[in-house]
């Protein structure tokens, strides 16, 4: 949920022309993360849960977000 709040804060500062493109996509994506976690949590069966796969995917997403943030910070300094 903290990630959702931060993405919403970040996208508020985007240029007007970006509001309906990338910011909308980022907001929908970030909201889907806790929604999907909650949905998976409600199932809570061994067949539905693969912790190693989830951990690997989470790590991959975290790396992608790190690169995106790094590039956004670098672009804003130019």
C-alpha atoms as a PDB file:
ATOM      1  CA  UNK A   1       0.000   0.000   0.000  1.00  0.00           C
ATOM      2  CA  UNK A   2       2.931   2.347   0.675  1.00  0.00           C
ATOM      3  CA  UNK A   3       4.101   1.752  -2.898  1.00  0.00           C
ATOM      4  CA  UNK A   4       0.631   2.729  -4.149  1.00  0.00           C
ATOM      5  CA  UNK A   5       0.755   6.006  -2.235  1.00  0.00           C
ATOM      6  CA  UNK A   6       4.222   6.834  -3.551  1.00  0.00           C
ATOM      7  CA  UNK A   7       3.289   6.078  -7.169  1.00  0.00           C
ATOM      8  CA  UNK A   8       0.206   8.281  -6.876  1.00  0.00           C
ATOM      9  CA  UNK A   9       2.367  11.104  -5.453  1.00  0.00           C
ATOM     10  CA  UNK A  10       4.933  10.623  -8.226  1.00  0.00           C
ATOM     11  CA  UNK A  11       2.398  10.606 -11.040  1.00  0.00           C
ATOM     12  CA  UNK A  12       0.773  13.808  -9.771  1.00  0.00           C
ATOM     13  CA  UNK A  13       3.924  15.636 -10.837  1.00  0.00           C
ATOM     14  CA  UNK A  14       3.883  14.280 -14.400  1.00  0.00           C
ATOM     15  CA  UNK A  15       3.308  16.598 -17.323  1.00  0.00           C
ATOM     16  CA  UNK A  16      -0.326  17.033 -18.368  1.00  0.00           C
ATOM     17  CA  UNK A  17       0.177  15.103 -21.610  1.00  0.00           C
ATOM     18  CA  UNK A  18       1.463  12.108 -19.622  1.00  0.00           C
ATOM     19  CA  UNK A  19      -1.471  12.021 -17.210  1.00  0.00           C
ATOM     20  CA  UNK A  20      -3.669   9.810 -19.400  1.00  0.00           C
ATOM     21  CA  UNK A  21      -0.913   7.590 -20.719  1.00  0.00           C
ATOM     22  CA  UNK A  22       1.891   6.432 -18.480  1.00  0.00           C
ATOM     23  CA  UNK A  23       0.499   7.705 -15.179  1.00  0.00           C
ATOM     24  CA  UNK A  24      -2.788   5.891 -15.678  1.00  0.00           C
ATOM     25  CA  UNK A  25      -0.951   2.701 -16.550  1.00  0.00           C
ATOM     26  CA  UNK A  26       1.379   3.032 -13.549  1.00  0.00           C
ATOM     27  CA  UNK A  27      -1.525   3.649 -11.180  1.00  0.00           C
ATOM     28  CA  UNK A  28      -3.500   0.666 -12.447  1.00  0.00           C
ATOM     29  CA  UNK A  29      -0.425  -1.554 -12.235  1.00  0.00           C
ATOM     30  CA  UNK A  30       0.477  -0.523  -8.704  1.00  0.00           C
ATOM     31  CA  UNK A  31      -3.096  -0.983  -7.455  1.00  0.00           C
ATOM     32  CA  UNK A  32      -3.173  -4.473  -8.940  1.00  0.00           C
ATOM     33  CA  UNK A  33      -0.241  -5.596  -6.765  1.00  0.00           C
ATOM     34  CA  UNK A  34      -2.021  -5.504  -3.367  1.00  0.00           C
ATOM     35  CA  UNK A  35      -5.253  -6.613  -5.057  1.00  0.00           C
ATOM     36  CA  UNK A  36      -3.579  -9.714  -6.453  1.00  0.00           C
ATOM     37  CA  UNK A  37      -1.871 -10.410  -3.133  1.00  0.00           C
ATOM     38  CA  UNK A  38      -5.211 -10.180  -1.329  1.00  0.00           C
ATOM     39  CA  UNK A  39      -6.838 -12.466  -3.888  1.00  0.00           C
ATOM     40  CA  UNK A  40      -4.057 -15.035  -3.592  1.00  0.00           C
ATOM     41  CA  UNK A  41      -4.111 -14.810   0.182  1.00  0.00           C
ATOM     42  CA  UNK A  42      -7.804 -15.666   0.277  1.00  0.00           C
ATOM     43  CA  UNK A  43      -7.171 -18.886  -1.607  1.00  0.00           C
ATOM     44  CA  UNK A  44      -4.334 -20.032   0.669  1.00  0.00           C
ATOM     45  CA  UNK A  45      -4.107 -23.554  -0.703  1.00  0.00           C
ATOM     46  CA  UNK A  46      -0.847 -25.285  -1.515  1.00  0.00           C
ATOM     47  CA  UNK A  47      -1.896 -25.684  -5.143  1.00  0.00           C
ATOM     48  CA  UNK A  48      -2.388 -21.922  -5.593  1.00  0.00           C
ATOM     49  CA  UNK A  49       0.722 -20.755  -3.784  1.00  0.00           C
ATOM     50  CA  UNK A  50       4.269 -21.075  -5.116  1.00  0.00           C
ATOM     51  CA  UNK A  51       6.380 -18.980  -2.788  1.00  0.00           C
ATOM     52  CA  UNK A  52       9.619 -19.393  -4.717  1.00  0.00           C
ATOM     53  CA  UNK A  53       8.002 -18.236  -7.947  1.00  0.00           C
ATOM     54  CA  UNK A  54       6.351 -15.287  -6.206  1.00  0.00           C
ATOM     55  CA  UNK A  55       9.619 -14.314  -4.556  1.00  0.00           C
ATOM     56  CA  UNK A  56      11.476 -14.480  -7.890  1.00  0.00           C
ATOM     57  CA  UNK A  57       8.812 -12.394  -9.640  1.00  0.00           C
ATOM     58  CA  UNK A  58       8.786  -9.873  -6.811  1.00  0.00           C
ATOM     59  CA  UNK A  59      12.562  -9.529  -7.063  1.00  0.00           C
ATOM     60  CA  UNK A  60      12.321  -9.047 -10.815  1.00  0.00           C
ATOM     61  CA  UNK A  61       9.654  -6.328 -10.446  1.00  0.00           C
ATOM     62  CA  UNK A  62      11.711  -4.610  -7.733  1.00  0.00           C
ATOM     63  CA  UNK A  63      14.741  -4.519 -10.048  1.00  0.00           C
ATOM     64  CA  UNK A  64      12.668  -3.056 -12.889  1.00  0.00           C
ATOM     65  CA  UNK A  65      11.216  -0.401 -10.582  1.00  0.00           C
ATOM     66  CA  UNK A  66      14.695   0.446  -9.323  1.00  0.00           C
ATOM     67  CA  UNK A  67      15.930   0.996 -12.882  1.00  0.00           C
ATOM     68  CA  UNK A  68      12.862   3.087 -13.736  1.00  0.00           C
ATOM     69  CA  UNK A  69      13.333   5.283 -10.660  1.00  0.00           C
ATOM     70  CA  UNK A  70      17.044   5.657 -11.422  1.00  0.00           C
ATOM     71  CA  UNK A  71      16.311   6.717 -14.989  1.00  0.00           C
ATOM     72  CA  UNK A  72      13.545   9.117 -13.916  1.00  0.00           C
ATOM     73  CA  UNK A  73      15.870  10.720 -11.382  1.00  0.00           C
ATOM     74  CA  UNK A  74      18.620  11.009 -13.963  1.00  0.00           C
ATOM     75  CA  UNK A  75      16.253  12.472 -16.541  1.00  0.00           C
ATOM     76  CA  UNK A  76      14.960  15.084 -14.111  1.00  0.00           C
ATOM     77  CA  UNK A  77      18.493  16.323 -13.421  1.00  0.00           C
ATOM     78  CA  UNK A  78      19.239  16.952 -17.096  1.00  0.00           C
END
